[in-house]
Amino acid sequence: MSKQPPAGADQRSPSADSAQSEGRFHTYVSNRIPWYVRLIWLLFWIFAVGYVIMYLFPALQVEITNPP
């Protein structure tokens, strides 16, 4: 059998203070994006633009002028 502590042991009633009035652990500070993450995004966008130019535009021209 597992023993349970009495109902009133180590239980604190929640306070009515708001996060604003308490003022701790509620401050969020943004961090800079690391250079390698920026590089990954840059490479992704270069690939995406190149892909659209090389494959999507020529395929659209064929589909528009010669529909199936």
C-alpha atoms as a PDB file:
ATOM      1  CA  MET A   1       0.000   0.000   0.000  1.00  0.00           C
ATOM      2  CA  SER A   2       1.255   3.448  -0.811  1.00  0.00           C
ATOM      3  CA  LYS A   3       1.076   6.028   1.891  1.00  0.00           C
ATOM      4  CA  GLN A   4      -0.215   9.417   0.949  1.00  0.00           C
ATOM      5  CA  PRO A   5       0.655  12.533   2.931  1.00  0.00           C
ATOM      6  CA  PRO A   6      -2.127  14.275   4.822  1.00  0.00           C
ATOM      7  CA  ALA A   7      -4.284  16.624   2.802  1.00  0.00           C
ATOM      8  CA  GLY A   8      -2.804  19.817   4.246  1.00  0.00           C
ATOM      9  CA  ALA A   9       0.885  18.870   4.095  1.00  0.00           C
ATOM     10  CA  ASP A  10       3.147  21.006   1.866  1.00  0.00           C
ATOM     11  CA  GLN A  11       0.316  22.543  -0.081  1.00  0.00           C
ATOM     12  CA  ARG A  12       0.387  26.254  -0.644  1.00  0.00           C
ATOM     13  CA  SER A  13      -2.644  28.171  -1.717  1.00  0.00           C
ATOM     14  CA  PRO A  14      -2.164  30.007  -5.005  1.00  0.00           C
ATOM     15  CA  SER A  15      -1.635  33.717  -4.550  1.00  0.00           C
ATOM     16  CA  ALA A  16      -3.775  36.296  -6.278  1.00  0.00           C
ATOM     17  CA  ASP A  17      -0.733  38.247  -7.503  1.00  0.00           C
ATOM     18  CA  SER A  18      -0.488  38.752 -11.208  1.00  0.00           C
ATOM     19  CA  ALA A  19       2.659  38.228 -13.245  1.00  0.00           C
ATOM     20  CA  GLN A  20       3.009  42.001 -13.631  1.00  0.00           C
ATOM     21  CA  SER A  21       2.942  42.672  -9.908  1.00  0.00           C
ATOM     22  CA  GLU A  22       5.194  39.731  -9.127  1.00  0.00           C
ATOM     23  CA  GLY A  23       7.750  40.895 -11.682  1.00  0.00           C
ATOM     24  CA  ARG A  24      10.075  37.917 -11.757  1.00  0.00           C
ATOM     25  CA  PHE A  25      10.701  35.177 -14.298  1.00  0.00           C
ATOM     26  CA  HIS A  26       8.455  36.935 -16.792  1.00  0.00           C
ATOM     27  CA  THR A  27      10.973  39.000 -18.709  1.00  0.00           C
ATOM     28  CA  TYR A  28      11.755  37.641 -22.141  1.00  0.00           C
ATOM     29  CA  VAL A  29      14.887  38.797 -23.921  1.00  0.00           C
ATOM     30  CA  SER A  30      15.419  38.015 -27.556  1.00  0.00           C
ATOM     31  CA  ASN A  31      18.673  36.500 -28.726  1.00  0.00           C
ATOM     32  CA  ARG A  32      20.607  37.158 -31.901  1.00  0.00           C
ATOM     33  CA  ILE A  33      20.348  34.548 -34.615  1.00  0.00           C
ATOM     34  CA  PRO A  34      23.710  32.779 -35.017  1.00  0.00           C
ATOM     35  CA  TRP A  35      25.661  33.408 -38.224  1.00  0.00           C
ATOM     36  CA  TYR A  36      25.421  29.789 -39.343  1.00  0.00           C
ATOM     37  CA  VAL A  37      21.616  29.848 -39.126  1.00  0.00           C
ATOM     38  CA  ARG A  38      21.598  32.996 -41.254  1.00  0.00           C
ATOM     39  CA  LEU A  39      23.902  31.227 -43.719  1.00  0.00           C
ATOM     40  CA  ILE A  40      21.555  28.233 -43.904  1.00  0.00           C
ATOM     41  CA  TRP A  41      18.599  30.538 -44.615  1.00  0.00           C
ATOM     42  CA  LEU A  42      20.584  32.406 -47.262  1.00  0.00           C
ATOM     43  CA  LEU A  43      21.553  29.154 -48.997  1.00  0.00           C
ATOM     44  CA  PHE A  44      17.952  27.971 -48.845  1.00  0.00           C
ATOM     45  CA  TRP A  45      16.641  31.143 -50.514  1.00  0.00           C
ATOM     46  CA  ILE A  46      19.350  31.044 -53.180  1.00  0.00           C
ATOM     47  CA  PHE A  47      18.379  27.439 -53.942  1.00  0.00           C
ATOM     48  CA  ALA A  48      14.649  28.261 -53.954  1.00  0.00           C
ATOM     49  CA  VAL A  49      15.021  31.193 -56.358  1.00  0.00           C
ATOM     50  CA  GLY A  50      17.335  29.213 -58.629  1.00  0.00           C
ATOM     51  CA  TYR A  51      14.938  26.270 -58.661  1.00  0.00           C
ATOM     52  CA  VAL A  52      11.987  28.472 -59.600  1.00  0.00           C
ATOM     53  CA  ILE A  53      13.941  30.174 -62.381  1.00  0.00           C
ATOM     54  CA  MET A  54      15.379  26.958 -63.834  1.00  0.00           C
ATOM     55  CA  TYR A  55      12.419  24.588 -63.544  1.00  0.00           C
ATOM     56  CA  LEU A  56       9.130  26.325 -62.767  1.00  0.00           C
ATOM     57  CA  PHE A  57       9.203  29.181 -65.277  1.00  0.00           C
ATOM     58  CA  PRO A  58      10.113  26.998 -68.303  1.00  0.00           C
ATOM     59  CA  ALA A  59       7.491  24.418 -67.319  1.00  0.00           C
ATOM     60  CA  LEU A  60       4.842  27.132 -66.952  1.00  0.00           C
ATOM     61  CA  GLN A  61       5.645  28.496 -70.400  1.00  0.00           C
ATOM     62  CA  VAL A  62       5.134  25.064 -71.934  1.00  0.00           C
ATOM     63  CA  GLU A  63       1.915  24.435 -70.005  1.00  0.00           C
ATOM     64  CA  ILE A  64       0.438  27.849 -70.827  1.00  0.00           C
ATOM     65  CA  THR A  65       1.226  27.734 -74.558  1.00  0.00           C
ATOM     66  CA  ASN A  66       0.453  24.034 -75.014  1.00  0.00           C
ATOM     67  CA  PRO A  67      -2.206  22.902 -72.501  1.00  0.00           C
ATOM     68  CA  PRO A  68      -2.753  19.137 -72.102  1.00  0.00           C
END
